[in-house]
Amino acid sequence: MSTWWNSETQLWLDRVVCTPCWFDIFCHAWVRHLPPSDSDRVPILLQASFVQLTKRLFHHRFQFEAYWLQHGECDGVVKNAWATDVVG
């Protein structure tokens, strides 16, 4: 997918978006960008594989959930986490 202005491609969009619920179900999904076809479209291949949550093999990037802010202890947890040095 691309953005364009006056028939000129300005930027290729290369992100995939999903809900946290979908990602929990298809936690081992991956995306590959395929070569462009004859049109101005670039196909994206989605490989979605179902693995039970108890068999998760990989750690995924942290994702903040806005509803956590409603929990009374959220502020302290965030402050403690930011005060901790992380290597890697």
PDB file of N, CA and C in Angstrom:
ATOM      1  N   MET A   1       0.849  -1.152   0.000  1.00  0.00           N
ATOM      2  CA  MET A   1       0.000   0.000   0.000  1.00  0.00           C
ATOM      3  C   MET A   1       0.900   1.220   0.000  1.00  0.00           C
ATOM      4  N   SER A   2       0.418   2.280  -0.587  1.00  0.00           N
ATOM      5  CA  SER A   2       1.248   3.475  -0.662  1.00  0.00           C
ATOM      6  C   SER A   2       0.395   4.718  -0.477  1.00  0.00           C
ATOM      7  N   THR A   3       1.057   5.817  -0.157  1.00  0.00           N
ATOM      8  CA  THR A   3       0.403   7.119  -0.173  1.00  0.00           C
ATOM      9  C   THR A   3       0.928   7.850  -1.387  1.00  0.00           C
ATOM     10  N   TRP A   4       0.101   8.664  -1.973  1.00  0.00           N
ATOM     11  CA  TRP A   4       0.538   9.347  -3.181  1.00  0.00           C
ATOM     12  C   TRP A   4      -0.089  10.721  -3.282  1.00  0.00           C
ATOM     13  N   TRP A   5       0.511  11.540  -4.111  1.00  0.00           N
ATOM     14  CA  TRP A   5       0.057  12.900  -4.348  1.00  0.00           C
ATOM     15  C   TRP A   5       0.292  13.209  -5.812  1.00  0.00           C
ATOM     16  N   ASN A   6      -0.738  13.591  -6.533  1.00  0.00           N
ATOM     17  CA  ASN A   6      -0.638  13.884  -7.971  1.00  0.00           C
ATOM     18  C   ASN A   6      -0.012  12.730  -8.736  1.00  0.00           C
ATOM     19  N   SER A   7      -0.464  11.527  -8.465  1.00  0.00           N
ATOM     20  CA  SER A   7      -0.024  10.302  -9.147  1.00  0.00           C
ATOM     21  C   SER A   7       1.417   9.913  -8.859  1.00  0.00           C
ATOM     22  N   GLU A   8       2.067  10.547  -7.917  1.00  0.00           N
ATOM     23  CA  GLU A   8       3.428  10.170  -7.545  1.00  0.00           C
ATOM     24  C   GLU A   8       3.402   9.450  -6.203  1.00  0.00           C
ATOM     25  N   THR A   9       4.098   8.329  -6.124  1.00  0.00           N
ATOM     26  CA  THR A   9       4.181   7.606  -4.860  1.00  0.00           C
ATOM     27  C   THR A   9       5.067   8.391  -3.905  1.00  0.00           C
ATOM     28  N   GLN A  10       4.530   8.708  -2.734  1.00  0.00           N
ATOM     29  CA  GLN A  10       5.281   9.463  -1.739  1.00  0.00           C
ATOM     30  C   GLN A  10       5.948   8.557  -0.709  1.00  0.00           C
ATOM     31  N   LEU A  11       5.239   7.482  -0.341  1.00  0.00           N
ATOM     32  CA  LEU A  11       5.732   6.647   0.742  1.00  0.00           C
ATOM     33  C   LEU A  11       5.066   5.289   0.661  1.00  0.00           C
ATOM     34  N   TRP A  12       5.855   4.230   0.769  1.00  0.00           N
ATOM     35  CA  TRP A  12       5.284   2.884   0.823  1.00  0.00           C
ATOM     36  C   TRP A  12       4.931   2.576   2.262  1.00  0.00           C
ATOM     37  N   LEU A  13       3.713   2.116   2.481  1.00  0.00           N
ATOM     38  CA  LEU A  13       3.282   1.735   3.824  1.00  0.00           C
ATOM     39  C   LEU A  13       3.671   0.288   4.048  1.00  0.00           C
ATOM     40  N   ASP A  14       4.390   0.017   5.125  1.00  0.00           N
ATOM     41  CA  ASP A  14       4.944  -1.325   5.317  1.00  0.00           C
ATOM     42  C   ASP A  14       4.650  -1.889   6.700  1.00  0.00           C
ATOM     43  N   ARG A  15       3.549  -1.484   7.291  1.00  0.00           N
ATOM     44  CA  ARG A  15       3.202  -1.962   8.623  1.00  0.00           C
ATOM     45  C   ARG A  15       1.927  -2.793   8.563  1.00  0.00           C
ATOM     46  N   VAL A  16       1.828  -3.699   9.506  1.00  0.00           N
ATOM     47  CA  VAL A  16       0.622  -4.502   9.664  1.00  0.00           C
ATOM     48  C   VAL A  16       0.071  -4.205  11.045  1.00  0.00           C
ATOM     49  N   VAL A  17      -1.220  -4.079  11.152  1.00  0.00           N
ATOM     50  CA  VAL A  17      -1.862  -3.744  12.416  1.00  0.00           C
ATOM     51  C   VAL A  17      -2.818  -4.862  12.800  1.00  0.00           C
ATOM     52  N   CYS A  18      -2.807  -5.228  14.070  1.00  0.00           N
ATOM     53  CA  CYS A  18      -3.756  -6.226  14.561  1.00  0.00           C
ATOM     54  C   CYS A  18      -4.137  -5.875  15.990  1.00  0.00           C
ATOM     55  N   THR A  19      -5.202  -6.483  16.460  1.00  0.00           N
ATOM     56  CA  THR A  19      -5.643  -6.245  17.833  1.00  0.00           C
ATOM     57  C   THR A  19      -4.848  -7.134  18.782  1.00  0.00           C
ATOM     58  N   PRO A  20      -4.760  -6.761  20.049  1.00  0.00           N
ATOM     59  CA  PRO A  20      -4.080  -7.632  21.019  1.00  0.00           C
ATOM     60  C   PRO A  20      -4.709  -9.023  21.093  1.00  0.00           C
ATOM     61  N   CYS A  21      -6.024  -9.094  20.968  1.00  0.00           N
ATOM     62  CA  CYS A  21      -6.707 -10.392  21.016  1.00  0.00           C
ATOM     63  C   CYS A  21      -6.256 -11.277  19.852  1.00  0.00           C
ATOM     64  N   TRP A  22      -6.191 -10.706  18.643  1.00  0.00           N
ATOM     65  CA  TRP A  22      -5.759 -11.473  17.471  1.00  0.00           C
ATOM     66  C   TRP A  22      -4.323 -11.952  17.674  1.00  0.00           C
ATOM     67  N   PHE A  23      -3.471 -11.069  18.194  1.00  0.00           N
ATOM     68  CA  PHE A  23      -2.072 -11.425  18.387  1.00  0.00           C
ATOM     69  C   PHE A  23      -1.911 -12.520  19.435  1.00  0.00           C
ATOM     70  N   ASP A  24      -2.761 -12.511  20.460  1.00  0.00           N
ATOM     71  CA  ASP A  24      -2.712 -13.585  21.458  1.00  0.00           C
ATOM     72  C   ASP A  24      -3.037 -14.937  20.837  1.00  0.00           C
ATOM     73  N   ILE A  25      -3.948 -14.953  19.886  1.00  0.00           N
ATOM     74  CA  ILE A  25      -4.333 -16.202  19.233  1.00  0.00           C
ATOM     75  C   ILE A  25      -3.278 -16.640  18.221  1.00  0.00           C
ATOM     76  N   PHE A  26      -2.793 -15.695  17.416  1.00  0.00           N
ATOM     77  CA  PHE A  26      -1.827 -16.001  16.357  1.00  0.00           C
ATOM     78  C   PHE A  26      -0.463 -15.415  16.724  1.00  0.00           C
ATOM     79  N   CYS A  27       0.071 -15.827  17.867  1.00  0.00           N
ATOM     80  CA  CYS A  27       1.286 -15.207  18.400  1.00  0.00           C
ATOM     81  C   CYS A  27       2.534 -15.486  17.566  1.00  0.00           C
ATOM     82  N   HIS A  28       2.483 -16.455  16.689  1.00  0.00           N
ATOM     83  CA  HIS A  28       3.650 -16.758  15.859  1.00  0.00           C
ATOM     84  C   HIS A  28       3.458 -16.315  14.415  1.00  0.00           C
ATOM     85  N   ALA A  29       2.540 -15.408  14.190  1.00  0.00           N
ATOM     86  CA  ALA A  29       2.296 -14.914  12.833  1.00  0.00           C
ATOM     87  C   ALA A  29       3.485 -14.082  12.361  1.00  0.00           C
ATOM     88  N   TRP A  30       3.687 -14.063  11.046  1.00  0.00           N
ATOM     89  CA  TRP A  30       4.729 -13.216  10.477  1.00  0.00           C
ATOM     90  C   TRP A  30       4.251 -12.668   9.143  1.00  0.00           C
ATOM     91  N   VAL A  31       4.899 -11.604   8.701  1.00  0.00           N
ATOM     92  CA  VAL A  31       4.519 -10.914   7.470  1.00  0.00           C
ATOM     93  C   VAL A  31       5.741 -10.792   6.585  1.00  0.00           C
ATOM     94  N   ARG A  32       5.535 -11.006   5.295  1.00  0.00           N
ATOM     95  CA  ARG A  32       6.621 -10.822   4.327  1.00  0.00           C
ATOM     96  C   ARG A  32       6.117  -9.908   3.211  1.00  0.00           C
ATOM     97  N   HIS A  33       6.940  -8.953   2.813  1.00  0.00           N
ATOM     98  CA  HIS A  33       6.600  -8.068   1.706  1.00  0.00           C
ATOM     99  C   HIS A  33       7.100  -8.714   0.421  1.00  0.00           C
ATOM    100  N   LEU A  34       6.196  -8.949  -0.506  1.00  0.00           N
ATOM    101  CA  LEU A  34       6.538  -9.598  -1.765  1.00  0.00           C
ATOM    102  C   LEU A  34       6.927  -8.549  -2.799  1.00  0.00           C
ATOM    103  N   PRO A  35       7.592  -8.966  -3.882  1.00  0.00           N
ATOM    104  CA  PRO A  35       7.976  -8.004  -4.922  1.00  0.00           C
ATOM    105  C   PRO A  35       6.745  -7.348  -5.548  1.00  0.00           C
ATOM    106  N   PRO A  36       6.871  -6.094  -5.975  1.00  0.00           N
ATOM    107  CA  PRO A  36       5.733  -5.405  -6.586  1.00  0.00           C
ATOM    108  C   PRO A  36       5.280  -6.103  -7.865  1.00  0.00           C
ATOM    109  N   SER A  37       3.997  -5.973  -8.130  1.00  0.00           N
ATOM    110  CA  SER A  37       3.461  -6.533  -9.369  1.00  0.00           C
ATOM    111  C   SER A  37       3.481  -5.451 -10.439  1.00  0.00           C
ATOM    112  N   ASP A  38       2.710  -5.637 -11.492  1.00  0.00           N
ATOM    113  CA  ASP A  38       2.689  -4.659 -12.583  1.00  0.00           C
ATOM    114  C   ASP A  38       1.972  -3.367 -12.208  1.00  0.00           C
ATOM    115  N   SER A  39       1.207  -3.399 -11.142  1.00  0.00           N
ATOM    116  CA  SER A  39       0.489  -2.194 -10.729  1.00  0.00           C
ATOM    117  C   SER A  39       1.305  -1.453  -9.672  1.00  0.00           C
ATOM    118  N   ASP A  40       0.671  -0.477  -9.043  1.00  0.00           N
ATOM    119  CA  ASP A  40       1.357   0.261  -7.979  1.00  0.00           C
ATOM    120  C   ASP A  40       1.144  -0.393  -6.619  1.00  0.00           C
ATOM    121  N   ARG A  41       0.742  -1.639  -6.607  1.00  0.00           N
ATOM    122  CA  ARG A  41       0.490  -2.377  -5.371  1.00  0.00           C
ATOM    123  C   ARG A  41       1.678  -3.283  -5.039  1.00  0.00           C
ATOM    124  N   VAL A  42       1.974  -3.376  -3.757  1.00  0.00           N
ATOM    125  CA  VAL A  42       3.005  -4.294  -3.284  1.00  0.00           C
ATOM    126  C   VAL A  42       2.312  -5.298  -2.369  1.00  0.00           C
ATOM    127  N   PRO A  43       2.273  -6.567  -2.757  1.00  0.00           N
ATOM    128  CA  PRO A  43       1.560  -7.554  -1.940  1.00  0.00           C
ATOM    129  C   PRO A  43       2.264  -7.828  -0.612  1.00  0.00           C
ATOM    130  N   ILE A  44       1.460  -8.111   0.390  1.00  0.00           N
ATOM    131  CA  ILE A  44       1.950  -8.482   1.714  1.00  0.00           C
ATOM    132  C   ILE A  44       1.429  -9.877   2.015  1.00  0.00           C
ATOM    133  N   LEU A  45       2.318 -10.793   2.338  1.00  0.00           N
ATOM    134  CA  LEU A  45       1.942 -12.162   2.666  1.00  0.00           C
ATOM    135  C   LEU A  45       1.887 -12.301   4.182  1.00  0.00           C
ATOM    136  N   LEU A  46       0.752 -12.756   4.681  1.00  0.00           N
ATOM    137  CA  LEU A  46       0.574 -12.986   6.112  1.00  0.00           C
ATOM    138  C   LEU A  46       0.528 -14.477   6.361  1.00  0.00           C
ATOM    139  N   GLN A  47       1.437 -14.964   7.189  1.00  0.00           N
ATOM    140  CA  GLN A  47       1.434 -16.369   7.603  1.00  0.00           C
ATOM    141  C   GLN A  47       0.987 -16.393   9.054  1.00  0.00           C
ATOM    142  N   ALA A  48      -0.232 -16.845   9.294  1.00  0.00           N
ATOM    143  CA  ALA A  48      -0.787 -16.868  10.649  1.00  0.00           C
ATOM    144  C   ALA A  48      -0.819 -18.301  11.140  1.00  0.00           C
ATOM    145  N   SER A  49      -0.078 -18.570  12.195  1.00  0.00           N
ATOM    146  CA  SER A  49      -0.072 -19.921  12.754  1.00  0.00           C
ATOM    147  C   SER A  49      -0.584 -19.873  14.185  1.00  0.00           C
ATOM    148  N   PHE A  50      -1.438 -20.821  14.521  1.00  0.00           N
ATOM    149  CA  PHE A  50      -2.025 -20.893  15.853  1.00  0.00           C
ATOM    150  C   PHE A  50      -1.153 -21.772  16.735  1.00  0.00           C
ATOM    151  N   VAL A  51      -0.745 -21.217  17.866  1.00  0.00           N
ATOM    152  CA  VAL A  51       0.006 -21.978  18.862  1.00  0.00           C
ATOM    153  C   VAL A  51      -0.631 -21.661  20.204  1.00  0.00           C
ATOM    154  N   GLN A  52      -0.886 -22.666  21.003  1.00  0.00           N
ATOM    155  CA  GLN A  52      -1.487 -22.419  22.305  1.00  0.00           C
ATOM    156  C   GLN A  52      -0.586 -21.521  23.134  1.00  0.00           C
ATOM    157  N   LEU A  53      -1.196 -20.664  23.922  1.00  0.00           N
ATOM    158  CA  LEU A  53      -0.429 -19.703  24.710  1.00  0.00           C
ATOM    159  C   LEU A  53       0.560 -20.368  25.648  1.00  0.00           C
ATOM    160  N   THR A  54       0.266 -21.560  26.121  1.00  0.00           N
ATOM    161  CA  THR A  54       1.189 -22.242  27.029  1.00  0.00           C
ATOM    162  C   THR A  54       2.432 -22.744  26.305  1.00  0.00           C
ATOM    163  N   LYS A  55       2.410 -22.786  24.993  1.00  0.00           N
ATOM    164  CA  LYS A  55       3.555 -23.265  24.218  1.00  0.00           C
ATOM    165  C   LYS A  55       4.309 -22.122  23.550  1.00  0.00           C
ATOM    166  N   ARG A  56       4.104 -20.911  23.994  1.00  0.00           N
ATOM    167  CA  ARG A  56       4.780 -19.768  23.401  1.00  0.00           C
ATOM    168  C   ARG A  56       6.290 -19.927  23.539  1.00  0.00           C
ATOM    169  N   LEU A  57       7.002 -19.793  22.446  1.00  0.00           N
ATOM    170  CA  LEU A  57       8.447 -20.000  22.456  1.00  0.00           C
ATOM    171  C   LEU A  57       9.231 -18.696  22.417  1.00  0.00           C
ATOM    172  N   PHE A  58       8.618 -17.632  21.947  1.00  0.00           N
ATOM    173  CA  PHE A  58       9.338 -16.391  21.727  1.00  0.00           C
ATOM    174  C   PHE A  58       8.777 -15.293  22.615  1.00  0.00           C
ATOM    175  N   HIS A  59       9.640 -14.377  22.994  1.00  0.00           N
ATOM    176  CA  HIS A  59       9.196 -13.198  23.724  1.00  0.00           C
ATOM    177  C   HIS A  59       8.895 -12.125  22.693  1.00  0.00           C
ATOM    178  N   HIS A  60       7.789 -11.457  22.880  1.00  0.00           N
ATOM    179  CA  HIS A  60       7.392 -10.426  21.932  1.00  0.00           C
ATOM    180  C   HIS A  60       7.613  -9.047  22.535  1.00  0.00           C
ATOM    181  N   ARG A  61       7.716  -8.079  21.666  1.00  0.00           N
ATOM    182  CA  ARG A  61       7.943  -6.709  22.080  1.00  0.00           C
ATOM    183  C   ARG A  61       6.822  -6.239  23.010  1.00  0.00           C
ATOM    184  N   PHE A  62       7.187  -5.501  24.036  1.00  0.00           N
ATOM    185  CA  PHE A  62       6.226  -4.976  24.995  1.00  0.00           C
ATOM    186  C   PHE A  62       5.231  -4.061  24.301  1.00  0.00           C
ATOM    187  N   GLN A  63       3.986  -4.142  24.712  1.00  0.00           N
ATOM    188  CA  GLN A  63       2.952  -3.263  24.181  1.00  0.00           C
ATOM    189  C   GLN A  63       2.153  -2.695  25.347  1.00  0.00           C
ATOM    190  N   PHE A  64       2.133  -1.381  25.466  1.00  0.00           N
ATOM    191  CA  PHE A  64       1.406  -0.724  26.553  1.00  0.00           C
ATOM    192  C   PHE A  64      -0.089  -0.772  26.287  1.00  0.00           C
ATOM    193  N   GLU A  65      -0.862  -1.080  27.297  1.00  0.00           N
ATOM    194  CA  GLU A  65      -2.322  -1.102  27.198  1.00  0.00           C
ATOM    195  C   GLU A  65      -2.876   0.076  27.997  1.00  0.00           C
ATOM    196  N   ALA A  66      -3.678   0.923  27.372  1.00  0.00           N
ATOM    197  CA  ALA A  66      -4.184   2.147  28.005  1.00  0.00           C
ATOM    198  C   ALA A  66      -5.006   1.863  29.259  1.00  0.00           C
ATOM    199  N   TYR A  67      -5.711   0.747  29.298  1.00  0.00           N
ATOM    200  CA  TYR A  67      -6.552   0.461  30.465  1.00  0.00           C
ATOM    201  C   TYR A  67      -5.730   0.216  31.729  1.00  0.00           C
ATOM    202  N   TRP A  68      -4.437  -0.030  31.608  1.00  0.00           N
ATOM    203  CA  TRP A  68      -3.591  -0.204  32.786  1.00  0.00           C
ATOM    204  C   TRP A  68      -3.579   1.065  33.642  1.00  0.00           C
ATOM    205  N   LEU A  69      -3.744   2.218  32.995  1.00  0.00           N
ATOM    206  CA  LEU A  69      -3.725   3.488  33.722  1.00  0.00           C
ATOM    207  C   LEU A  69      -4.852   3.581  34.739  1.00  0.00           C
ATOM    208  N   GLN A  70      -5.899   2.802  34.563  1.00  0.00           N
ATOM    209  CA  GLN A  70      -7.037   2.825  35.481  1.00  0.00           C
ATOM    210  C   GLN A  70      -6.742   2.058  36.772  1.00  0.00           C
ATOM    211  N   HIS A  71      -5.695   1.272  36.785  1.00  0.00           N
ATOM    212  CA  HIS A  71      -5.345   0.483  37.966  1.00  0.00           C
ATOM    213  C   HIS A  71      -4.573   1.369  38.942  1.00  0.00           C
ATOM    214  N   GLY A  72      -4.913   1.291  40.211  1.00  0.00           N
ATOM    215  CA  GLY A  72      -4.320   2.155  41.226  1.00  0.00           C
ATOM    216  C   GLY A  72      -2.817   2.039  41.373  1.00  0.00           C
ATOM    217  N   GLU A  73      -2.243   0.872  41.138  1.00  0.00           N
ATOM    218  CA  GLU A  73      -0.805   0.670  41.333  1.00  0.00           C
ATOM    219  C   GLU A  73       0.019   0.933  40.071  1.00  0.00           C
ATOM    220  N   CYS A  74      -0.636   1.324  39.001  1.00  0.00           N
ATOM    221  CA  CYS A  74       0.062   1.500  37.717  1.00  0.00           C
ATOM    222  C   CYS A  74       1.205   2.510  37.821  1.00  0.00           C
ATOM    223  N   ASP A  75       0.951   3.648  38.456  1.00  0.00           N
ATOM    224  CA  ASP A  75       1.960   4.705  38.543  1.00  0.00           C
ATOM    225  C   ASP A  75       3.242   4.207  39.198  1.00  0.00           C
ATOM    226  N   GLY A  76       3.114   3.488  40.309  1.00  0.00           N
ATOM    227  CA  GLY A  76       4.290   2.964  41.005  1.00  0.00           C
ATOM    228  C   GLY A  76       5.034   1.922  40.198  1.00  0.00           C
ATOM    229  N   VAL A  77       4.303   1.067  39.516  1.00  0.00           N
ATOM    230  CA  VAL A  77       4.935   0.032  38.689  1.00  0.00           C
ATOM    231  C   VAL A  77       5.738   0.677  37.569  1.00  0.00           C
ATOM    232  N   VAL A  78       5.156   1.692  36.924  1.00  0.00           N
ATOM    233  CA  VAL A  78       5.855   2.376  35.826  1.00  0.00           C
ATOM    234  C   VAL A  78       7.102   3.080  36.348  1.00  0.00           C
ATOM    235  N   LYS A  79       6.997   3.781  37.464  1.00  0.00           N
ATOM    236  CA  LYS A  79       8.160   4.481  38.030  1.00  0.00           C
ATOM    237  C   LYS A  79       9.279   3.503  38.379  1.00  0.00           C
ATOM    238  N   ASN A  80       8.941   2.376  38.977  1.00  0.00           N
ATOM    239  CA  ASN A  80       9.956   1.369  39.315  1.00  0.00           C
ATOM    240  C   ASN A  80      10.600   0.781  38.071  1.00  0.00           C
ATOM    241  N   ALA A  81       9.799   0.536  37.057  1.00  0.00           N
ATOM    242  CA  ALA A  81      10.336  -0.039  35.821  1.00  0.00           C
ATOM    243  C   ALA A  81      11.293   0.927  35.135  1.00  0.00           C
ATOM    244  N   TRP A  82      10.938   2.210  35.105  1.00  0.00           N
ATOM    245  CA  TRP A  82      11.797   3.195  34.460  1.00  0.00           C
ATOM    246  C   TRP A  82      13.066   3.460  35.261  1.00  0.00           C
ATOM    247  N   ALA A  83      13.046   3.157  36.547  1.00  0.00           N
ATOM    248  CA  ALA A  83      14.221   3.378  37.388  1.00  0.00           C
ATOM    249  C   ALA A  83      15.221   2.226  37.293  1.00  0.00           C
ATOM    250  N   THR A  84      14.845   1.156  36.615  1.00  0.00           N
ATOM    251  CA  THR A  84      15.692  -0.030  36.498  1.00  0.00           C
ATOM    252  C   THR A  84      16.520   0.035  35.221  1.00  0.00           C
ATOM    253  N   ASP A  85      17.830  -0.213  35.339  1.00  0.00           N
ATOM    254  CA  ASP A  85      18.694  -0.261  34.156  1.00  0.00           C
ATOM    255  C   ASP A  85      18.426  -1.536  33.369  1.00  0.00           C
ATOM    256  N   VAL A  86      18.378  -1.397  32.058  1.00  0.00           N
ATOM    257  CA  VAL A  86      18.146  -2.541  31.177  1.00  0.00           C
ATOM    258  C   VAL A  86      19.280  -2.600  30.169  1.00  0.00           C
ATOM    259  N   VAL A  87      19.836  -3.773  29.977  1.00  0.00           N
ATOM    260  CA  VAL A  87      20.899  -3.967  28.998  1.00  0.00           C
ATOM    261  C   VAL A  87      20.345  -4.803  27.858  1.00  0.00           C
ATOM    262  N   GLY A  88      20.605  -4.370  26.629  1.00  0.00           N
ATOM    263  CA  GLY A  88      20.143  -5.158  25.487  1.00  0.00           C
ATOM    264  C   GLY A  88      19.247  -4.422  24.574  1.00  0.00           C
TER     265      GLY A  88
END
